[in-house]
Protein backbone atom coordinates (compact mmCIF):
# COMPACT_ATOMS: atom_id res chain seq x y z
CA MET A 1 -236.35 -3.30 -90.22
CA PRO A 2 -234.68 -2.38 -93.44
CA ALA A 3 -232.22 -4.91 -94.19
CA HIS A 4 -229.50 -2.13 -94.69
CA LEU A 5 -230.02 -1.22 -91.10
CA VAL A 6 -229.43 -4.80 -89.72
CA ARG A 7 -225.97 -5.24 -87.80
CA PRO A 8 -224.48 -8.44 -88.72
CA ARG A 9 -223.90 -10.81 -86.13
CA PRO A 10 -220.22 -11.90 -85.54
CA ARG A 11 -219.51 -15.38 -86.73
CA PRO A 12 -218.78 -17.94 -83.94
CA ARG A 13 -215.10 -18.95 -83.68
CA SER A 14 -214.20 -22.11 -85.24
CA GLY A 15 -211.85 -23.08 -82.36
CA ALA A 16 -208.88 -24.92 -84.14
CA ALA A 17 -207.35 -22.19 -86.22
CA PRO A 18 -207.57 -19.28 -83.73
CA ALA A 19 -206.64 -21.86 -81.04
CA GLY A 20 -203.59 -23.02 -82.88
CA ILE A 21 -202.48 -19.33 -83.38
CA ASP A 22 -202.96 -18.61 -79.69
CA ALA A 23 -201.04 -21.64 -79.00
CA VAL A 24 -198.17 -20.87 -81.21
CA ALA A 25 -197.96 -17.19 -79.80
CA VAL A 26 -197.93 -18.66 -76.31
CA LEU A 27 -195.03 -21.13 -77.26
CA ARG A 28 -192.91 -18.36 -78.70
CA ARG A 29 -193.71 -16.02 -75.71
CA THR A 30 -192.67 -18.89 -73.28
CA ALA A 31 -189.69 -20.09 -75.34
CA LEU A 32 -188.09 -16.77 -75.43
CA PRO A 33 -186.76 -16.64 -71.63
CA LEU A 34 -185.54 -20.25 -72.05
CA MET A 35 -182.64 -18.61 -74.20
CA GLY A 36 -181.47 -17.25 -71.01
CA GLN A 37 -181.78 -20.31 -69.21
CA LEU A 38 -179.55 -22.21 -71.39
CA THR A 39 -176.73 -22.79 -68.79
CA LEU A 40 -179.20 -23.93 -66.05
CA LEU A 41 -180.64 -26.12 -68.73
CA THR A 42 -177.25 -27.63 -69.73
CA ASP A 43 -176.53 -28.28 -66.13
CA ARG A 44 -179.73 -30.16 -65.57
CA LEU A 45 -179.30 -32.46 -68.60
CA MET A 46 -175.68 -33.05 -67.78
CA THR A 47 -176.69 -34.27 -64.38
CA GLU A 48 -179.68 -36.26 -65.70
CA LEU A 49 -177.33 -37.78 -68.30
CA HIS A 50 -174.77 -38.73 -65.60
CA ALA A 51 -177.31 -40.30 -63.59
CA ARG A 52 -179.37 -42.14 -66.04
CA GLU A 53 -177.04 -42.95 -68.87
CA PRO A 54 -173.88 -44.88 -68.09
CA ALA A 55 -172.25 -44.29 -71.96
CA TYR A 56 -172.63 -40.43 -71.32
CA ARG A 57 -171.39 -40.78 -67.73
CA ALA A 58 -168.17 -42.06 -69.06
CA ALA A 59 -167.96 -39.42 -71.89
CA ILE A 60 -168.78 -36.52 -68.91
CA ASP A 61 -166.18 -38.15 -66.65
CA THR A 62 -163.63 -38.01 -69.38
CA ASP A 63 -164.21 -34.82 -71.03
CA PRO A 64 -166.93 -32.55 -69.20
CA GLY A 65 -166.43 -29.71 -71.13
CA ASP A 66 -166.92 -31.20 -74.49
CA VAL A 67 -170.14 -32.69 -73.64
CA ARG A 68 -171.29 -29.41 -72.04
CA ARG A 69 -170.66 -27.60 -75.26
CA GLU A 70 -172.59 -30.25 -77.24
CA ILE A 71 -175.43 -30.24 -75.12
CA GLN A 72 -175.69 -26.54 -74.89
CA ARG A 73 -175.37 -25.96 -78.69
CA SER A 74 -178.03 -28.68 -79.22
CA LEU A 75 -180.44 -26.92 -76.87
CA ARG A 76 -179.89 -23.60 -78.00
CA HIS A 77 -180.59 -24.66 -81.67
CA SER A 78 -183.72 -26.49 -80.48
CA VAL A 79 -185.21 -23.44 -78.61
CA ALA A 80 -184.42 -21.09 -81.59
CA SER A 81 -186.26 -23.73 -83.91
CA LEU A 82 -189.31 -23.25 -81.59
CA LEU A 83 -189.00 -19.31 -81.65
CA ASP A 84 -188.40 -19.09 -85.44
CA PRO A 85 -189.03 -22.48 -87.17
CA ALA A 86 -188.69 -21.04 -90.70
CA ARG A 87 -185.15 -19.79 -90.14
CA SER A 88 -183.77 -22.06 -87.47
CA ARG A 89 -185.03 -25.56 -88.43
CA GLU A 90 -182.41 -26.30 -90.78
CA ALA A 91 -179.31 -25.19 -88.35
CA ALA A 92 -181.05 -27.24 -85.72
CA PHE A 93 -181.08 -30.13 -87.86
CA ALA A 94 -177.46 -29.69 -89.12
CA CYS A 95 -176.34 -29.48 -85.34
CA THR A 96 -178.18 -32.97 -84.65
CA THR A 97 -176.50 -34.54 -87.75
CA ARG A 98 -173.10 -33.12 -86.49
CA ILE A 99 -173.71 -34.65 -83.20
CA GLY A 100 -174.76 -37.99 -84.37
CA THR A 101 -171.72 -37.98 -86.62
CA GLU A 102 -169.12 -37.18 -83.83
CA ARG A 103 -170.94 -39.49 -81.44
CA ALA A 104 -170.55 -42.31 -83.87
CA ALA A 105 -166.95 -41.57 -84.34
CA ARG A 106 -166.15 -41.54 -80.57
CA GLY A 107 -167.85 -45.05 -80.09
CA LEU A 108 -170.89 -43.97 -78.00
CA PRO A 109 -173.70 -46.42 -78.60
CA LEU A 110 -176.49 -45.29 -80.73
CA ASP A 111 -179.18 -46.11 -78.06
CA ALA A 112 -177.46 -43.82 -75.66
CA LEU A 113 -177.44 -40.98 -78.07
CA LEU A 114 -181.16 -41.38 -78.90
CA HIS A 115 -181.72 -41.24 -74.99
CA ALA A 116 -179.88 -38.35 -74.73
CA PHE A 117 -181.98 -36.28 -77.38
CA ARG A 118 -185.31 -37.63 -75.75
CA LEU A 119 -184.05 -36.57 -72.50
CA GLY A 120 -183.24 -33.11 -73.81
CA GLY A 121 -186.54 -32.97 -75.61
CA ALA A 122 -188.33 -33.87 -72.45
CA LEU A 123 -186.38 -31.15 -70.53
CA ILE A 124 -187.24 -28.37 -72.85
CA TRP A 125 -191.02 -29.37 -72.76
CA GLN A 126 -190.87 -29.22 -69.00
CA ALA A 127 -189.12 -25.80 -68.89
CA LEU A 128 -192.00 -24.50 -71.25
CA VAL A 129 -194.74 -25.91 -69.10
CA ASP A 130 -192.96 -24.55 -65.83
CA GLU A 131 -192.56 -21.02 -67.35
CA VAL A 132 -196.14 -20.77 -68.74
CA THR A 133 -197.47 -22.03 -65.42
CA ARG A 134 -195.52 -19.64 -63.49
CA HIS A 135 -195.91 -16.22 -65.79
CA HIS A 136 -199.10 -17.03 -67.95
CA PRO A 137 -201.06 -19.54 -66.04
CA ARG A 138 -204.18 -18.72 -68.13
CA ASP A 139 -202.53 -19.87 -71.16
CA ALA A 140 -201.02 -23.09 -69.83
CA HIS A 141 -203.85 -25.12 -71.41
CA LEU A 142 -203.10 -23.72 -74.77
CA LEU A 143 -199.79 -25.65 -74.85
CA VAL A 144 -201.71 -28.99 -74.90
CA HIS A 145 -202.50 -28.24 -78.54
CA LEU A 146 -198.81 -28.23 -79.34
CA ALA A 147 -197.73 -31.23 -77.30
CA ALA A 148 -198.13 -33.57 -80.33
CA ASP A 149 -196.00 -31.05 -82.55
CA VAL A 150 -193.25 -30.98 -80.02
CA ARG A 151 -193.21 -34.92 -79.62
CA ALA A 152 -192.89 -34.92 -83.53
CA HIS A 153 -190.17 -32.33 -83.38
CA ILE A 154 -188.17 -34.69 -80.87
CA ASP A 155 -188.82 -37.68 -83.04
CA GLU A 156 -187.51 -36.00 -86.00
CA HIS A 157 -184.58 -34.96 -84.27
CA CYS A 158 -183.95 -38.51 -83.22
CA ALA A 159 -184.34 -39.92 -86.59
CA ARG A 160 -181.86 -37.35 -88.01
CA ALA A 161 -179.17 -37.97 -85.53
CA ALA A 162 -179.67 -41.94 -85.99
CA ASP A 163 -179.31 -41.56 -89.82
CA ALA A 164 -176.17 -39.50 -89.40
CA TYR A 165 -174.82 -41.68 -86.71
CA ARG A 166 -175.38 -44.99 -89.01
CA THR A 167 -173.71 -43.24 -92.13
CA ALA A 168 -170.68 -42.55 -89.99
CA GLU A 169 -170.58 -45.79 -88.50
CA HIS A 170 -170.55 -47.20 -92.04
CA GLU A 171 -168.11 -45.18 -93.17
CA LEU A 172 -165.93 -45.78 -90.15
CA THR A 173 -166.47 -49.51 -90.54
CA TRP A 174 -165.34 -49.30 -93.92
CA ARG A 175 -162.31 -47.16 -93.24
CA ARG A 176 -161.34 -49.66 -90.52
CA GLU A 177 -161.52 -52.76 -92.79
CA ASN A 178 -159.88 -50.97 -95.58
CA ARG A 179 -157.01 -50.00 -93.23
CA ARG A 180 -156.98 -53.69 -91.99
CA ARG A 181 -156.64 -54.91 -95.39
CA LEU A 182 -153.93 -52.16 -96.38
CA MET A 183 -151.65 -53.26 -93.05
CA ALA A 184 -152.20 -57.07 -93.82
CA ALA A 185 -151.27 -56.55 -97.46
CA ALA A 186 -148.20 -54.28 -96.32
CA LEU A 187 -147.02 -57.16 -93.98
CA LEU A 188 -147.48 -59.84 -96.38
CA ASP A 189 -145.70 -57.61 -99.23
CA GLY A 190 -142.72 -56.96 -96.70
CA ALA A 191 -143.47 -53.28 -97.67
CA ILE A 192 -144.38 -52.21 -94.27
CA ARG A 193 -142.15 -49.68 -92.42
CA ILE A 194 -140.85 -50.64 -88.98
CA ALA A 195 -142.15 -47.40 -87.47
CA ASP A 196 -145.63 -48.48 -88.58
CA LEU A 197 -145.36 -51.98 -86.92
CA PRO A 198 -147.29 -50.88 -83.64
CA GLU A 199 -150.25 -49.49 -85.60
CA ALA A 200 -150.37 -52.64 -87.75
CA ALA A 201 -150.29 -54.68 -84.84
CA ALA A 202 -153.13 -52.59 -83.04
CA ALA A 203 -155.11 -52.69 -86.29
CA LEU A 204 -155.14 -56.36 -87.10
CA GLY A 205 -155.33 -57.29 -83.43
CA LEU A 206 -151.79 -59.30 -83.25
CA PRO A 207 -149.08 -58.86 -81.21
CA GLU A 208 -146.07 -57.13 -82.54
CA ARG A 209 -143.19 -59.54 -81.13
CA GLY A 210 -143.78 -63.37 -81.13
CA ARG A 211 -143.73 -66.34 -83.45
CA TYR A 212 -145.56 -66.09 -86.88
CA ALA A 213 -146.32 -68.07 -89.87
CA VAL A 214 -147.87 -67.67 -93.11
CA VAL A 215 -150.32 -70.28 -94.58
CA LEU A 216 -151.63 -69.98 -98.33
CA VAL A 217 -154.64 -72.07 -99.13
CA ALA A 218 -155.16 -72.50 -102.90
CA GLY A 219 -158.33 -74.26 -104.73
CA GLY A 220 -160.32 -74.04 -101.25
CA ARG A 221 -161.65 -71.81 -98.65
CA GLY A 222 -159.59 -69.45 -96.87
CA GLY A 223 -160.59 -67.46 -93.84
CA VAL A 224 -160.73 -70.49 -91.45
CA PRO A 225 -159.78 -69.76 -87.97
CA ALA A 226 -156.91 -71.70 -86.53
CA PRO A 227 -157.79 -74.25 -83.68
CA ASP A 228 -157.08 -73.19 -79.95
CA GLY A 229 -157.60 -69.71 -80.76
CA ALA A 230 -154.39 -68.91 -82.64
CA PRO A 231 -155.02 -65.43 -84.05
CA THR A 232 -155.14 -65.46 -87.74
CA VAL A 233 -155.62 -62.65 -90.22
CA TRP A 234 -156.69 -63.46 -93.61
CA HIS A 235 -156.08 -61.65 -96.88
CA PRO A 236 -156.88 -62.36 -100.70
CA GLY A 237 -153.89 -63.04 -102.80
CA PRO A 238 -153.85 -63.38 -106.64
CA ASP A 239 -153.55 -67.18 -106.37
CA ALA A 240 -154.46 -68.23 -102.98
CA GLU A 241 -155.89 -66.94 -99.63
CA ARG A 242 -153.12 -65.84 -97.31
CA GLY A 243 -152.95 -66.22 -93.57
CA ILE A 244 -150.95 -64.52 -91.04
CA VAL A 245 -150.98 -66.76 -87.85
CA ALA A 246 -149.76 -65.85 -84.39
CA LEU A 247 -148.20 -69.09 -83.59
CA ALA A 248 -147.56 -68.59 -79.68
CA ASP A 249 -147.00 -72.16 -78.71
CA HIS A 250 -149.03 -73.73 -81.58
CA ASP A 251 -147.28 -76.43 -83.79
CA VAL A 252 -147.28 -75.37 -87.36
CA ARG A 253 -147.74 -79.13 -88.63
CA ARG A 254 -150.92 -79.27 -86.64
CA LEU A 255 -152.31 -76.09 -87.72
CA ALA A 256 -151.45 -76.76 -91.48
CA GLU A 257 -153.51 -80.17 -91.15
CA HIS A 258 -156.19 -78.11 -89.72
CA TRP A 259 -156.57 -75.67 -92.59
CA LEU A 260 -156.27 -78.56 -95.20
CA VAL A 261 -159.26 -80.27 -93.64
CA SER A 262 -161.35 -77.04 -93.06
CA ALA A 263 -160.64 -75.77 -96.63
CA GLY A 264 -161.98 -79.10 -98.13
CA HIS A 265 -159.85 -82.28 -97.67
CA GLY A 266 -159.60 -84.47 -100.98
CA SER A 267 -160.97 -81.48 -103.22
CA GLY A 268 -157.60 -80.59 -104.80
CA VAL A 269 -156.96 -78.10 -101.97
CA ARG A 270 -153.34 -77.10 -101.86
CA VAL A 271 -151.75 -75.55 -98.60
CA GLY A 272 -148.35 -74.25 -98.23
CA VAL A 273 -147.18 -73.15 -94.96
CA SER A 274 -143.92 -71.21 -94.05
CA PRO A 275 -141.53 -72.10 -91.13
CA ALA A 276 -141.88 -70.04 -88.08
CA VAL A 277 -140.34 -66.54 -87.92
CA GLU A 278 -139.95 -63.97 -85.47
CA GLY A 279 -141.93 -60.92 -85.14
CA LEU A 280 -144.48 -59.15 -87.66
CA ALA A 281 -141.60 -57.53 -89.43
CA ALA A 282 -140.72 -61.11 -90.80
CA VAL A 283 -143.99 -61.88 -92.19
CA GLY A 284 -143.08 -60.68 -95.46
CA GLY A 285 -140.37 -63.21 -95.95
CA ALA A 286 -142.40 -65.80 -94.33
CA ARG A 287 -145.04 -65.32 -97.18
CA ARG A 288 -142.53 -65.68 -99.71
CA LEU A 289 -141.40 -69.22 -98.20
CA ALA A 290 -144.93 -70.02 -97.92
CA GLU A 291 -145.31 -69.60 -101.69
CA THR A 292 -142.50 -71.58 -102.21
CA ALA A 293 -144.26 -74.63 -100.26
CA LEU A 294 -147.24 -74.04 -102.42
CA ARG A 295 -145.68 -74.23 -105.63
CA ILE A 296 -144.22 -77.75 -104.53
CA CYS A 297 -147.32 -78.86 -103.32
CA PRO A 298 -148.84 -81.86 -105.33
CA ALA A 299 -151.49 -80.59 -107.95
CA ASP A 300 -154.11 -82.88 -106.73
CA GLY A 301 -154.05 -81.68 -103.18
CA GLY A 302 -151.96 -81.81 -100.09
CA THR A 303 -150.22 -79.86 -97.59
CA VAL A 304 -146.42 -78.78 -97.71
CA LEU A 305 -144.54 -77.43 -94.70
CA LEU A 306 -141.48 -76.01 -96.20
CA ASP A 307 -139.39 -77.15 -93.29
CA ASP A 308 -140.11 -80.84 -94.67
CA GLU A 309 -139.30 -79.87 -98.38
CA LEU A 310 -136.19 -77.96 -98.17
CA PRO A 311 -134.41 -79.80 -101.10
CA ALA A 312 -137.43 -79.21 -103.32
CA ALA A 313 -137.81 -75.67 -102.12
CA LEU A 314 -134.17 -74.97 -103.55
CA VAL A 315 -135.13 -76.11 -106.84
CA ALA A 316 -138.60 -74.20 -106.71
CA GLY A 317 -136.61 -71.04 -105.68
CA ALA A 318 -134.68 -71.04 -108.75
CA PRO A 319 -136.62 -72.43 -111.43
CA ALA A 320 -134.27 -71.54 -114.38
CA LEU A 321 -131.57 -73.44 -112.68
CA GLY A 322 -133.59 -75.99 -111.92
CA THR A 323 -134.65 -76.72 -115.62
CA LEU A 324 -131.03 -76.47 -116.37
CA LEU A 325 -130.30 -79.15 -113.82
CA ALA A 326 -133.19 -81.59 -115.12
CA ASP A 327 -132.25 -81.31 -118.68
CA ARG A 328 -128.40 -81.92 -117.66
CA VAL A 329 -128.89 -84.95 -115.51
CA LEU A 330 -132.23 -86.44 -116.58
CA GLY A 331 -132.06 -85.51 -120.29
CA PRO A 332 -131.15 -89.03 -121.42
CA LEU A 333 -134.10 -90.32 -119.53
CA ARG A 334 -136.44 -88.06 -120.81
CA ALA A 335 -135.23 -88.64 -124.53
CA LEU A 336 -136.24 -92.22 -124.13
CA PRO A 337 -139.80 -93.26 -125.70
CA PRO A 338 -142.34 -91.88 -122.89
CA ALA A 339 -143.21 -95.14 -121.49
CA ASP A 340 -139.62 -96.08 -121.05
CA GLY A 341 -138.37 -92.78 -119.68
CA ALA A 342 -141.58 -92.59 -117.18
CA LEU A 343 -140.79 -96.10 -115.82
CA LEU A 344 -137.12 -95.20 -115.23
CA LEU A 345 -137.83 -92.03 -113.62
CA ASP A 346 -140.72 -93.48 -111.29
CA THR A 347 -138.19 -96.24 -110.26
CA LEU A 348 -135.74 -93.91 -109.56
CA THR A 349 -138.01 -91.66 -107.51
CA ALA A 350 -139.40 -94.67 -105.54
CA TRP A 351 -135.92 -95.86 -104.70
CA LEU A 352 -134.92 -92.59 -103.29
CA ASP A 353 -138.17 -92.05 -101.57
CA CYS A 354 -137.61 -95.32 -99.85
CA ASP A 355 -134.09 -94.33 -98.48
CA GLY A 356 -132.33 -96.46 -101.10
CA SER A 357 -133.92 -99.76 -100.23
CA ALA A 358 -134.77 -101.89 -103.55
CA GLN A 359 -137.19 -104.16 -101.71
CA ARG A 360 -139.23 -101.36 -100.33
CA ALA A 361 -139.21 -99.71 -103.83
CA ALA A 362 -140.27 -103.13 -105.30
CA ALA A 363 -143.23 -103.38 -103.09
CA ARG A 364 -144.39 -99.58 -103.97
CA LEU A 365 -144.15 -100.35 -107.65
CA TYR A 366 -145.59 -103.89 -107.67
CA CYS A 367 -142.40 -105.72 -109.00
CA HIS A 368 -139.48 -107.96 -107.94
CA ARG A 369 -136.41 -106.52 -106.49
CA ASN A 370 -134.01 -107.60 -109.19
CA THR A 371 -136.20 -105.78 -111.51
CA VAL A 372 -135.78 -102.51 -109.38
CA LEU A 373 -131.95 -103.10 -109.38
CA ASN A 374 -131.76 -103.70 -113.35
CA ARG A 375 -133.75 -100.46 -114.03
CA LEU A 376 -131.38 -98.58 -111.26
CA ARG A 377 -128.44 -99.76 -113.21
CA ARG A 378 -129.77 -98.69 -116.60
CA CYS A 379 -130.40 -95.16 -114.79
CA GLU A 380 -126.86 -95.11 -113.89
CA GLN A 381 -125.73 -96.10 -117.29
CA LEU A 382 -127.77 -93.40 -119.07
CA THR A 383 -127.32 -90.40 -116.55
CA GLY A 384 -123.67 -91.13 -115.94
CA ARG A 385 -124.26 -90.93 -112.05
CA SER A 386 -123.51 -93.63 -109.55
CA LEU A 387 -126.20 -94.30 -107.00
CA THR A 388 -123.42 -95.26 -104.43
CA ARG A 389 -121.90 -91.72 -104.61
CA PRO A 390 -123.50 -89.35 -102.07
CA THR A 391 -122.92 -86.23 -104.44
CA ASP A 392 -124.49 -87.82 -107.26
CA GLN A 393 -127.68 -88.89 -104.95
CA VAL A 394 -128.10 -85.43 -104.22
CA GLU A 395 -127.92 -84.11 -107.82
CA LEU A 396 -130.35 -86.82 -108.90
CA ALA A 397 -132.78 -86.08 -106.15
CA LEU A 398 -132.76 -82.44 -107.10
CA ALA A 399 -133.03 -82.99 -110.85
CA LEU A 400 -136.08 -85.24 -110.00
CA HIS A 401 -137.74 -82.39 -107.97
CA ALA A 402 -137.19 -79.93 -110.73
CA HIS A 403 -138.43 -82.52 -113.16
CA ARG A 404 -141.54 -82.89 -111.08
CA LEU A 405 -142.09 -78.98 -110.88
CA GLY A 406 -141.83 -78.80 -114.81
CA GLY A 407 -138.45 -76.89 -114.36
CA HIS A 408 -140.50 -73.55 -114.12
CA GLY A 409 -141.91 -73.50 -110.68
CA ALA A 410 -145.27 -74.79 -111.42
CA ALA A 411 -147.27 -77.15 -109.53
CA PRO A 412 -146.27 -80.76 -110.25
CA THR A 413 -148.61 -83.19 -111.69
CA THR A 414 -147.71 -86.19 -109.86
CA PRO A 415 -147.36 -86.49 -105.81
CA ALA A 416 -144.11 -85.40 -104.45
CA PRO A 417 -142.35 -88.56 -103.22
CA SER A 418 -142.19 -87.07 -99.34
CA SER A 419 -144.26 -89.15 -97.11
CA ARG A 420 -144.71 -85.94 -94.94
CA SER A 421 -147.15 -84.40 -97.64
CA ALA A 422 -150.80 -85.09 -96.82
CA GLY A 423 -153.63 -85.63 -99.24
């Protein structure tokens, strides 16, 4: 037979491409009726979430209308992306991203969110299977070719929701921490408005009313929790870590010792503690008092409770006056050769610290009692102050505090005479 009369035989169907095209056609034909069933599908998914996901159960019980709108919007975008992926895919992903962001803001657990997306995906797949089985049973086998694609579609939406959730959660965490920092700074600076106190208390987890103290830790590690669970909020300062402590029934002195040891006892760590004050509104004033306590803390380390060092605090609080007082009262002693001046100042300090006992001062200074008395008489002669006159004793004591502080509020270079200072 001539070649031009031979009718070419049709090629055998490769199967994959035509079957894929047929499967997509079946998918779109089957998905179209689902657009009219969105209300029914939404009801089913809400019922399933209420029964199987406790976090969504709480959300549905609280605001069912909000959850219904969210579910119906998501289902509508999902079905639309099956009908026309090219035009609807990005809108569907945008809807998923929005849901992930909103649910993070409302505190819904991520696992619950992903569970909801998987349940929704399974619901749509089952609806497709039911639709083709009822109306196009001969085409049901073609859906098998798309099962993996539908699973991948669901997984991609879960990934988008998780990414949006984590991004929003990170942003919310940063905002909460920044808000806490701002609130703590406003309290410590005394710049917070009375109307903002309830918000600050809630943000920091502190009671609005009650007893408070402020602790400053310089040269060591702040952020140490108080013992016995006394709530403490730490905030970095320019020269020291600053802690706001809700005292309740806690003892300020014991807490101060706790911070000193925890921050690094014996390593030059200095701790200043304010007196107890009433209410969050007084924290700014307590911070200023704690700074004064820190200024009079020994430079080689220790802890000072301002309640124990009020005379020194008076001098530290007015450094210019302290300089003037030290110059006027102790000027003649400081004008002596350094060794002689230091000897007389140390003797006067020891005698005052020992409550006016020459015997105890001598033991502290490793010398005879009469030596102490001779030095004290010389101090009286040079300063023009009598150690038997109470007002002169007060003046000398304050002048010595100013001398140790350097007359300008700086930390002293030698330990303060108070036996109540640790370290």
